[in-house]
């Protein structure tokens, strides 16, 4: 529990992650409201098409 004087704790979302398959996610900045924009690049595909960078948006 938290008291009225201290804000709830938030996760530190900024960073660079690589999963077991080698796909990458990067979160550069989170604003004061907890909103963030980032990118995700997968290395796996079921086709021979070029893999494109995906943008992500979210909020904590």
C-alpha atoms as a PDB file:
ATOM      1  CA  UNK A   1       0.000   0.000   0.000  1.00  0.00           C
ATOM      2  CA  UNK A   2       1.036   3.613  -0.481  1.00  0.00           C
ATOM      3  CA  UNK A   3       0.202   6.672   1.558  1.00  0.00           C
ATOM      4  CA  UNK A   4      -1.363   9.843   0.149  1.00  0.00           C
ATOM      5  CA  UNK A   5       1.981  11.690   0.098  1.00  0.00           C
ATOM      6  CA  UNK A   6       3.947   9.307  -2.121  1.00  0.00           C
ATOM      7  CA  UNK A   7       3.019   8.448  -5.726  1.00  0.00           C
ATOM      8  CA  UNK A   8       2.677   4.770  -6.695  1.00  0.00           C
ATOM      9  CA  UNK A   9       5.856   3.129  -7.946  1.00  0.00           C
ATOM     10  CA  UNK A  10       6.218   2.719 -11.711  1.00  0.00           C
ATOM     11  CA  UNK A  11       8.368   0.368 -13.750  1.00  0.00           C
ATOM     12  CA  UNK A  12      11.457   1.676 -15.533  1.00  0.00           C
ATOM     13  CA  UNK A  13      10.466   0.861 -19.116  1.00  0.00           C
ATOM     14  CA  UNK A  14      13.303   2.478 -21.045  1.00  0.00           C
ATOM     15  CA  UNK A  15      15.841   0.107 -22.504  1.00  0.00           C
ATOM     16  CA  UNK A  16      16.688  -2.411 -25.205  1.00  0.00           C
ATOM     17  CA  UNK A  17      15.439  -5.998 -25.048  1.00  0.00           C
ATOM     18  CA  UNK A  18      16.235  -9.008 -27.209  1.00  0.00           C
ATOM     19  CA  UNK A  19      14.096 -12.148 -26.943  1.00  0.00           C
ATOM     20  CA  UNK A  20      15.198 -15.781 -27.390  1.00  0.00           C
ATOM     21  CA  UNK A  21      14.584 -15.594 -31.148  1.00  0.00           C
ATOM     22  CA  UNK A  22      16.683 -12.450 -31.596  1.00  0.00           C
ATOM     23  CA  UNK A  23      13.822  -9.963 -32.042  1.00  0.00           C
ATOM     24  CA  UNK A  24      14.489  -6.462 -30.621  1.00  0.00           C
ATOM     25  CA  UNK A  25      12.361  -3.929 -28.744  1.00  0.00           C
ATOM     26  CA  UNK A  26      13.639  -0.463 -27.859  1.00  0.00           C
ATOM     27  CA  UNK A  27      11.900   2.060 -25.581  1.00  0.00           C
ATOM     28  CA  UNK A  28      13.763   5.363 -25.580  1.00  0.00           C
ATOM     29  CA  UNK A  29      11.649   7.642 -23.355  1.00  0.00           C
ATOM     30  CA  UNK A  30       8.546   7.637 -21.161  1.00  0.00           C
ATOM     31  CA  UNK A  31       6.815  10.976 -20.532  1.00  0.00           C
ATOM     32  CA  UNK A  32       5.409  12.249 -17.217  1.00  0.00           C
ATOM     33  CA  UNK A  33       2.002  10.721 -17.966  1.00  0.00           C
ATOM     34  CA  UNK A  34       3.599   7.301 -18.526  1.00  0.00           C
ATOM     35  CA  UNK A  35       3.099   7.307 -22.311  1.00  0.00           C
ATOM     36  CA  UNK A  36       5.836   5.922 -24.532  1.00  0.00           C
ATOM     37  CA  UNK A  37       6.641   5.278 -28.167  1.00  0.00           C
ATOM     38  CA  UNK A  38       9.067   2.593 -29.210  1.00  0.00           C
ATOM     39  CA  UNK A  39      10.051   0.198 -31.951  1.00  0.00           C
ATOM     40  CA  UNK A  40       9.977  -3.569 -32.402  1.00  0.00           C
ATOM     41  CA  UNK A  41      11.911  -5.508 -35.003  1.00  0.00           C
ATOM     42  CA  UNK A  42      11.200  -9.208 -35.373  1.00  0.00           C
ATOM     43  CA  UNK A  43      13.732 -11.492 -36.996  1.00  0.00           C
ATOM     44  CA  UNK A  44      11.320 -14.361 -37.672  1.00  0.00           C
ATOM     45  CA  UNK A  45       8.830 -14.543 -40.541  1.00  0.00           C
ATOM     46  CA  UNK A  46       6.679 -17.249 -42.098  1.00  0.00           C
ATOM     47  CA  UNK A  47       7.302 -15.853 -45.593  1.00  0.00           C
ATOM     48  CA  UNK A  48      10.234 -14.644 -47.661  1.00  0.00           C
ATOM     49  CA  UNK A  49       8.945 -11.042 -47.499  1.00  0.00           C
ATOM     50  CA  UNK A  50      11.218  -8.354 -46.043  1.00  0.00           C
ATOM     51  CA  UNK A  51      10.636  -7.781 -42.334  1.00  0.00           C
ATOM     52  CA  UNK A  52       9.772  -4.168 -41.488  1.00  0.00           C
ATOM     53  CA  UNK A  53      10.317  -2.276 -38.256  1.00  0.00           C
ATOM     54  CA  UNK A  54       7.094  -1.931 -36.238  1.00  0.00           C
ATOM     55  CA  UNK A  55       6.261   1.068 -34.083  1.00  0.00           C
ATOM     56  CA  UNK A  56       4.774   0.558 -30.632  1.00  0.00           C
ATOM     57  CA  UNK A  57       2.857   2.962 -28.430  1.00  0.00           C
ATOM     58  CA  UNK A  58       1.722   2.347 -24.894  1.00  0.00           C
ATOM     59  CA  UNK A  59       1.202   3.671 -21.411  1.00  0.00           C
ATOM     60  CA  UNK A  60       2.098   2.408 -17.979  1.00  0.00           C
END
